[in-house]
Amino acid sequence: MPPLPTEIFVLGLSVVLLIVQLFLASVPTTLELGGAYQAGPRDQPRAAKGVFAGRAARAFRNLLETYPVFVALALALVVTGRSGGWGALGAEIWLVMRILYVPAYLIHFPFARSVLWFASLLALLAMLARLLLS
């Protein structure tokens, strides 16, 4: 079997990150609000008041804001035969920055968190440049 393009390998790893962040956000919320509420229809919205649960949920929502763009770019690079180079490097940097973003958000590293977010955005731009300019 031929090796996977870097962008597809990183895409697979990004799914692991997505699942980990989903659990980091949902488990503390379920513990705080109770399983019955979480399993119910949630007609009366309630928010978790715990600091960890709130930060984990916000970090997860932040991932979801750029995740579709990352997935689209990774797939587009491979489908168009433009994988590798700046696209692959951008994918790797995006994933590393997103992984580092989680503890930076959870332990409240305000400026580091912003730098990590900006670096992940630049990584997406590198992927876009590889797609459009190659």
N, C-alpha and C. Protein backbone atom coordinates (compact mmCIF):
# COMPACT_ATOMS: atom_id res chain seq x y z
N MET A 1 0.85 -1.17 0.00
CA MET A 1 0.00 0.00 0.00
C MET A 1 0.90 1.24 0.00
N PRO A 2 0.62 2.21 -0.87
CA PRO A 2 1.45 3.43 -0.91
C PRO A 2 1.23 4.27 0.35
N PRO A 3 2.24 5.04 0.72
CA PRO A 3 2.08 5.88 1.92
C PRO A 3 1.02 6.96 1.69
N LEU A 4 0.38 7.33 2.78
CA LEU A 4 -0.63 8.40 2.72
C LEU A 4 0.03 9.75 2.48
N PRO A 5 -0.62 10.62 1.73
CA PRO A 5 -0.12 12.00 1.67
C PRO A 5 -0.15 12.60 3.08
N THR A 6 0.80 13.45 3.35
CA THR A 6 0.90 14.07 4.68
C THR A 6 -0.42 14.70 5.10
N GLU A 7 -1.07 15.39 4.17
CA GLU A 7 -2.32 16.09 4.50
C GLU A 7 -3.40 15.11 4.97
N ILE A 8 -3.46 13.93 4.37
CA ILE A 8 -4.46 12.93 4.77
C ILE A 8 -4.09 12.32 6.11
N PHE A 9 -2.81 12.06 6.33
CA PHE A 9 -2.37 11.54 7.63
C PHE A 9 -2.71 12.53 8.74
N VAL A 10 -2.40 13.82 8.50
CA VAL A 10 -2.69 14.85 9.50
C VAL A 10 -4.20 14.99 9.68
N LEU A 11 -4.96 14.84 8.61
CA LEU A 11 -6.42 14.88 8.72
C LEU A 11 -6.91 13.78 9.65
N GLY A 12 -6.35 12.59 9.52
CA GLY A 12 -6.71 11.49 10.43
C GLY A 12 -6.37 11.82 11.88
N LEU A 13 -5.18 12.39 12.10
CA LEU A 13 -4.81 12.80 13.46
C LEU A 13 -5.72 13.89 13.99
N SER A 14 -6.18 14.76 13.09
CA SER A 14 -7.07 15.84 13.53
C SER A 14 -8.40 15.31 14.04
N VAL A 15 -8.82 14.17 13.52
CA VAL A 15 -10.05 13.55 14.02
C VAL A 15 -9.84 13.10 15.48
N VAL A 16 -8.66 12.60 15.79
CA VAL A 16 -8.34 12.23 17.18
C VAL A 16 -8.43 13.47 18.07
N LEU A 17 -7.85 14.59 17.60
CA LEU A 17 -7.94 15.84 18.36
C LEU A 17 -9.39 16.25 18.56
N LEU A 18 -10.18 16.16 17.52
CA LEU A 18 -11.60 16.52 17.61
C LEU A 18 -12.32 15.68 18.66
N ILE A 19 -12.07 14.39 18.67
CA ILE A 19 -12.72 13.50 19.63
C ILE A 19 -12.25 13.80 21.05
N VAL A 20 -10.95 14.01 21.22
CA VAL A 20 -10.42 14.34 22.56
C VAL A 20 -11.05 15.63 23.07
N GLN A 21 -11.12 16.65 22.22
CA GLN A 21 -11.71 17.92 22.66
C GLN A 21 -13.20 17.78 22.92
N LEU A 22 -13.88 16.95 22.15
CA LEU A 22 -15.30 16.70 22.40
C LEU A 22 -15.50 16.13 23.79
N PHE A 23 -14.67 15.16 24.17
CA PHE A 23 -14.79 14.58 25.50
C PHE A 23 -14.36 15.55 26.59
N LEU A 24 -13.31 16.33 26.33
CA LEU A 24 -12.89 17.34 27.32
C LEU A 24 -14.00 18.34 27.59
N ALA A 25 -14.80 18.63 26.59
CA ALA A 25 -15.89 19.59 26.75
C ALA A 25 -17.14 18.95 27.35
N SER A 26 -17.43 17.71 26.95
CA SER A 26 -18.71 17.13 27.35
C SER A 26 -18.69 16.42 28.69
N VAL A 27 -17.61 15.76 29.03
CA VAL A 27 -17.59 14.99 30.28
C VAL A 27 -17.73 15.89 31.52
N PRO A 28 -16.95 16.97 31.65
CA PRO A 28 -17.14 17.82 32.84
C PRO A 28 -18.52 18.47 32.88
N THR A 29 -19.07 18.79 31.71
CA THR A 29 -20.41 19.37 31.67
C THR A 29 -21.44 18.35 32.13
N THR A 30 -21.31 17.12 31.69
CA THR A 30 -22.23 16.06 32.12
C THR A 30 -22.11 15.81 33.61
N LEU A 31 -20.88 15.82 34.12
CA LEU A 31 -20.70 15.61 35.56
C LEU A 31 -21.35 16.74 36.36
N GLU A 32 -21.26 17.96 35.85
CA GLU A 32 -21.82 19.10 36.56
C GLU A 32 -23.34 19.19 36.43
N LEU A 33 -23.86 19.01 35.22
CA LEU A 33 -25.30 19.19 34.99
C LEU A 33 -26.10 17.91 35.19
N GLY A 34 -25.43 16.79 35.19
CA GLY A 34 -26.11 15.51 35.39
C GLY A 34 -26.43 14.82 34.08
N GLY A 35 -26.35 13.51 34.13
CA GLY A 35 -26.61 12.71 32.95
C GLY A 35 -28.03 12.81 32.46
N ALA A 36 -28.99 12.93 33.39
CA ALA A 36 -30.40 13.01 32.99
C ALA A 36 -30.66 14.27 32.16
N TYR A 37 -30.07 15.38 32.58
CA TYR A 37 -30.24 16.62 31.82
C TYR A 37 -29.58 16.49 30.45
N GLN A 38 -28.36 16.00 30.42
CA GLN A 38 -27.63 15.89 29.16
C GLN A 38 -28.31 14.93 28.19
N ALA A 39 -28.94 13.88 28.70
CA ALA A 39 -29.61 12.90 27.84
C ALA A 39 -31.00 13.36 27.44
N GLY A 40 -31.53 14.37 28.11
CA GLY A 40 -32.87 14.85 27.80
C GLY A 40 -32.89 15.83 26.65
N PRO A 41 -34.05 16.43 26.41
CA PRO A 41 -34.20 17.34 25.26
C PRO A 41 -33.60 18.73 25.48
N ARG A 42 -33.21 19.04 26.70
CA ARG A 42 -32.59 20.34 27.05
C ARG A 42 -33.46 21.53 26.62
N ASP A 43 -34.76 21.39 26.87
CA ASP A 43 -35.69 22.47 26.54
C ASP A 43 -35.40 23.73 27.34
N GLN A 44 -34.94 23.57 28.55
CA GLN A 44 -34.54 24.69 29.39
C GLN A 44 -33.02 24.75 29.38
N PRO A 45 -32.41 25.61 28.55
CA PRO A 45 -30.95 25.64 28.45
C PRO A 45 -30.29 25.93 29.80
N ARG A 46 -29.27 25.16 30.09
CA ARG A 46 -28.45 25.36 31.28
C ARG A 46 -27.00 25.30 30.85
N ALA A 47 -26.20 26.12 31.43
CA ALA A 47 -24.76 26.12 31.11
C ALA A 47 -23.98 25.66 32.33
N ALA A 48 -22.93 24.93 32.08
CA ALA A 48 -22.06 24.53 33.17
C ALA A 48 -21.37 25.77 33.73
N LYS A 49 -21.24 25.84 35.04
CA LYS A 49 -20.63 27.00 35.67
C LYS A 49 -19.16 26.77 36.02
N GLY A 50 -18.70 25.54 35.92
CA GLY A 50 -17.31 25.23 36.24
C GLY A 50 -16.35 25.85 35.24
N VAL A 51 -15.22 26.32 35.74
CA VAL A 51 -14.23 26.99 34.89
C VAL A 51 -13.70 26.02 33.84
N PHE A 52 -13.33 24.82 34.24
CA PHE A 52 -12.77 23.86 33.29
C PHE A 52 -13.77 23.51 32.20
N ALA A 53 -15.00 23.22 32.60
CA ALA A 53 -16.03 22.86 31.61
C ALA A 53 -16.26 23.99 30.62
N GLY A 54 -16.31 25.21 31.11
CA GLY A 54 -16.53 26.36 30.23
C GLY A 54 -15.37 26.58 29.28
N ARG A 55 -14.17 26.52 29.80
CA ARG A 55 -12.99 26.71 28.93
C ARG A 55 -12.88 25.60 27.91
N ALA A 56 -13.12 24.36 28.33
CA ALA A 56 -13.03 23.24 27.40
C ALA A 56 -14.07 23.37 26.30
N ALA A 57 -15.28 23.80 26.65
CA ALA A 57 -16.33 23.99 25.65
C ALA A 57 -15.97 25.11 24.68
N ARG A 58 -15.42 26.20 25.19
CA ARG A 58 -15.04 27.31 24.31
C ARG A 58 -13.87 26.93 23.41
N ALA A 59 -12.91 26.18 23.93
CA ALA A 59 -11.78 25.73 23.11
C ALA A 59 -12.28 24.79 22.00
N PHE A 60 -13.25 23.95 22.32
CA PHE A 60 -13.83 23.05 21.32
C PHE A 60 -14.56 23.83 20.25
N ARG A 61 -15.37 24.81 20.66
CA ARG A 61 -16.08 25.64 19.67
C ARG A 61 -15.08 26.38 18.78
N ASN A 62 -13.97 26.81 19.37
CA ASN A 62 -12.95 27.51 18.59
C ASN A 62 -12.36 26.57 17.53
N LEU A 63 -12.12 25.33 17.89
CA LEU A 63 -11.63 24.35 16.91
C LEU A 63 -12.64 24.21 15.77
N LEU A 64 -13.90 24.13 16.11
CA LEU A 64 -14.94 23.92 15.10
C LEU A 64 -15.05 25.09 14.13
N GLU A 65 -14.59 26.27 14.53
CA GLU A 65 -14.66 27.43 13.64
C GLU A 65 -13.74 27.29 12.43
N THR A 66 -12.58 26.67 12.59
CA THR A 66 -11.64 26.54 11.48
C THR A 66 -11.52 25.11 10.97
N TYR A 67 -12.09 24.16 11.67
CA TYR A 67 -11.93 22.76 11.27
C TYR A 67 -12.48 22.48 9.87
N PRO A 68 -13.65 22.98 9.51
CA PRO A 68 -14.13 22.71 8.14
C PRO A 68 -13.17 23.26 7.06
N VAL A 69 -12.56 24.38 7.32
CA VAL A 69 -11.60 24.96 6.36
C VAL A 69 -10.39 24.04 6.24
N PHE A 70 -9.89 23.56 7.37
CA PHE A 70 -8.75 22.65 7.34
C PHE A 70 -9.09 21.38 6.55
N VAL A 71 -10.23 20.79 6.83
CA VAL A 71 -10.63 19.55 6.14
C VAL A 71 -10.74 19.81 4.64
N ALA A 72 -11.40 20.90 4.27
CA ALA A 72 -11.57 21.21 2.85
C ALA A 72 -10.23 21.41 2.16
N LEU A 73 -9.33 22.14 2.79
CA LEU A 73 -8.02 22.39 2.18
C LEU A 73 -7.20 21.10 2.08
N ALA A 74 -7.20 20.29 3.13
CA ALA A 74 -6.44 19.04 3.10
C ALA A 74 -6.93 18.14 1.96
N LEU A 75 -8.24 18.01 1.85
CA LEU A 75 -8.80 17.17 0.79
C LEU A 75 -8.56 17.76 -0.58
N ALA A 76 -8.72 19.07 -0.72
CA ALA A 76 -8.51 19.73 -2.01
C ALA A 76 -7.07 19.58 -2.48
N LEU A 77 -6.11 19.68 -1.56
CA LEU A 77 -4.72 19.53 -1.94
C LEU A 77 -4.43 18.14 -2.49
N VAL A 78 -5.00 17.14 -1.86
CA VAL A 78 -4.75 15.77 -2.29
C VAL A 78 -5.49 15.48 -3.60
N VAL A 79 -6.74 15.88 -3.68
CA VAL A 79 -7.55 15.61 -4.87
C VAL A 79 -6.96 16.29 -6.12
N THR A 80 -6.42 17.48 -5.96
CA THR A 80 -5.85 18.20 -7.09
C THR A 80 -4.41 17.81 -7.38
N GLY A 81 -3.85 16.92 -6.58
CA GLY A 81 -2.47 16.50 -6.79
C GLY A 81 -1.46 17.53 -6.34
N ARG A 82 -1.87 18.44 -5.48
CA ARG A 82 -0.97 19.50 -5.01
C ARG A 82 -0.51 19.28 -3.57
N SER A 83 -0.58 18.05 -3.12
CA SER A 83 -0.15 17.77 -1.75
C SER A 83 1.36 17.92 -1.66
N GLY A 84 1.83 18.05 -0.44
CA GLY A 84 3.26 18.23 -0.20
C GLY A 84 3.63 19.69 -0.08
N GLY A 85 4.89 19.96 0.09
CA GLY A 85 5.39 21.33 0.16
C GLY A 85 4.73 22.14 1.26
N TRP A 86 4.39 23.37 0.91
CA TRP A 86 3.77 24.29 1.89
C TRP A 86 2.43 23.76 2.40
N GLY A 87 1.73 23.01 1.56
CA GLY A 87 0.45 22.46 2.00
C GLY A 87 0.61 21.46 3.13
N ALA A 88 1.57 20.56 2.95
CA ALA A 88 1.82 19.55 3.99
C ALA A 88 2.36 20.21 5.26
N LEU A 89 3.29 21.14 5.08
CA LEU A 89 3.83 21.84 6.24
C LEU A 89 2.74 22.63 6.96
N GLY A 90 1.87 23.28 6.20
CA GLY A 90 0.76 24.01 6.80
C GLY A 90 -0.16 23.09 7.59
N ALA A 91 -0.44 21.91 7.04
CA ALA A 91 -1.30 20.96 7.75
C ALA A 91 -0.66 20.53 9.07
N GLU A 92 0.63 20.23 9.03
CA GLU A 92 1.33 19.81 10.25
C GLU A 92 1.35 20.93 11.28
N ILE A 93 1.65 22.14 10.84
CA ILE A 93 1.68 23.28 11.77
C ILE A 93 0.30 23.53 12.34
N TRP A 94 -0.74 23.47 11.49
CA TRP A 94 -2.11 23.69 11.97
C TRP A 94 -2.42 22.71 13.10
N LEU A 95 -2.10 21.43 12.90
CA LEU A 95 -2.42 20.44 13.92
C LEU A 95 -1.64 20.68 15.21
N VAL A 96 -0.35 20.95 15.10
CA VAL A 96 0.46 21.19 16.30
C VAL A 96 -0.06 22.41 17.06
N MET A 97 -0.37 23.48 16.35
CA MET A 97 -0.88 24.69 17.01
C MET A 97 -2.23 24.43 17.68
N ARG A 98 -3.08 23.65 17.02
CA ARG A 98 -4.39 23.34 17.60
C ARG A 98 -4.25 22.45 18.83
N ILE A 99 -3.27 21.55 18.83
CA ILE A 99 -3.03 20.70 20.00
C ILE A 99 -2.53 21.56 21.16
N LEU A 100 -1.58 22.44 20.88
CA LEU A 100 -1.03 23.31 21.93
C LEU A 100 -2.05 24.32 22.43
N TYR A 101 -3.00 24.69 21.58
CA TYR A 101 -4.04 25.65 21.94
C TYR A 101 -4.89 25.14 23.12
N VAL A 102 -5.14 23.84 23.13
CA VAL A 102 -6.03 23.28 24.17
C VAL A 102 -5.49 23.52 25.58
N PRO A 103 -4.28 23.09 25.92
CA PRO A 103 -3.81 23.38 27.28
C PRO A 103 -3.60 24.87 27.52
N ALA A 104 -3.22 25.61 26.48
CA ALA A 104 -3.06 27.06 26.66
C ALA A 104 -4.38 27.70 27.06
N TYR A 105 -5.48 27.21 26.51
CA TYR A 105 -6.80 27.74 26.87
C TYR A 105 -7.21 27.24 28.25
N LEU A 106 -7.01 25.97 28.51
CA LEU A 106 -7.47 25.38 29.77
C LEU A 106 -6.74 25.95 30.98
N ILE A 107 -5.44 26.27 30.84
CA ILE A 107 -4.70 26.79 31.99
C ILE A 107 -4.55 28.31 31.94
N HIS A 108 -5.22 28.93 30.99
CA HIS A 108 -5.29 30.39 30.88
C HIS A 108 -3.93 31.03 30.60
N PHE A 109 -3.49 30.82 29.38
CA PHE A 109 -2.29 31.45 28.85
C PHE A 109 -2.76 32.43 27.78
N PRO A 110 -3.25 33.61 28.16
CA PRO A 110 -3.95 34.46 27.20
C PRO A 110 -3.16 34.84 25.95
N PHE A 111 -1.94 35.32 26.09
CA PHE A 111 -1.21 35.75 24.90
C PHE A 111 -0.68 34.57 24.11
N ALA A 112 -0.25 33.53 24.79
CA ALA A 112 0.20 32.33 24.10
C ALA A 112 -0.94 31.73 23.29
N ARG A 113 -2.11 31.72 23.87
CA ARG A 113 -3.28 31.18 23.18
C ARG A 113 -3.55 31.95 21.89
N SER A 114 -3.45 33.26 21.94
CA SER A 114 -3.69 34.09 20.75
C SER A 114 -2.61 33.85 19.70
N VAL A 115 -1.36 33.71 20.12
CA VAL A 115 -0.27 33.44 19.18
C VAL A 115 -0.48 32.08 18.51
N LEU A 116 -0.87 31.09 19.29
CA LEU A 116 -1.12 29.76 18.73
C LEU A 116 -2.27 29.79 17.73
N TRP A 117 -3.32 30.51 18.07
CA TRP A 117 -4.46 30.63 17.15
C TRP A 117 -4.02 31.29 15.85
N PHE A 118 -3.25 32.38 15.96
CA PHE A 118 -2.81 33.11 14.77
C PHE A 118 -1.88 32.23 13.92
N ALA A 119 -1.00 31.48 14.56
CA ALA A 119 -0.11 30.58 13.82
C ALA A 119 -0.91 29.51 13.08
N SER A 120 -1.97 29.02 13.70
CA SER A 120 -2.80 28.02 13.02
C SER A 120 -3.52 28.64 11.82
N LEU A 121 -3.89 29.91 11.94
CA LEU A 121 -4.51 30.60 10.81
C LEU A 121 -3.50 30.78 9.67
N LEU A 122 -2.27 31.16 9.99
CA LEU A 122 -1.23 31.28 8.98
C LEU A 122 -0.97 29.94 8.30
N ALA A 123 -1.06 28.87 9.05
CA ALA A 123 -0.87 27.53 8.48
C ALA A 123 -1.97 27.23 7.45
N LEU A 124 -3.20 27.64 7.75
CA LEU A 124 -4.28 27.46 6.78
C LEU A 124 -4.01 28.29 5.53
N LEU A 125 -3.47 29.48 5.70
CA LEU A 125 -3.14 30.32 4.55
C LEU A 125 -2.03 29.69 3.71
N ALA A 126 -1.08 29.02 4.35
CA ALA A 126 -0.03 28.31 3.61
C ALA A 126 -0.64 27.19 2.77
N MET A 127 -1.60 26.49 3.36
CA MET A 127 -2.28 25.43 2.61
C MET A 127 -3.05 26.02 1.42
N LEU A 128 -3.71 27.13 1.65
CA LEU A 128 -4.46 27.79 0.59
C LEU A 128 -3.53 28.27 -0.53
N ALA A 129 -2.40 28.83 -0.14
CA ALA A 129 -1.42 29.29 -1.13
C ALA A 129 -0.94 28.13 -1.98
N ARG A 130 -0.66 27.00 -1.35
CA ARG A 130 -0.21 25.80 -2.10
C ARG A 130 -1.30 25.36 -3.08
N LEU A 131 -2.53 25.44 -2.65
CA LEU A 131 -3.64 25.02 -3.52
C LEU A 131 -3.80 25.96 -4.72
N LEU A 132 -3.76 27.25 -4.46
CA LEU A 132 -4.09 28.23 -5.51
C LEU A 132 -2.89 28.65 -6.36
N LEU A 133 -1.69 28.57 -5.80
CA LEU A 133 -0.53 29.13 -6.50
C LEU A 133 0.40 28.06 -7.08
N SER A 134 0.11 26.81 -6.87
CA SER A 134 1.01 25.74 -7.37
C SER A 134 0.65 25.38 -8.80
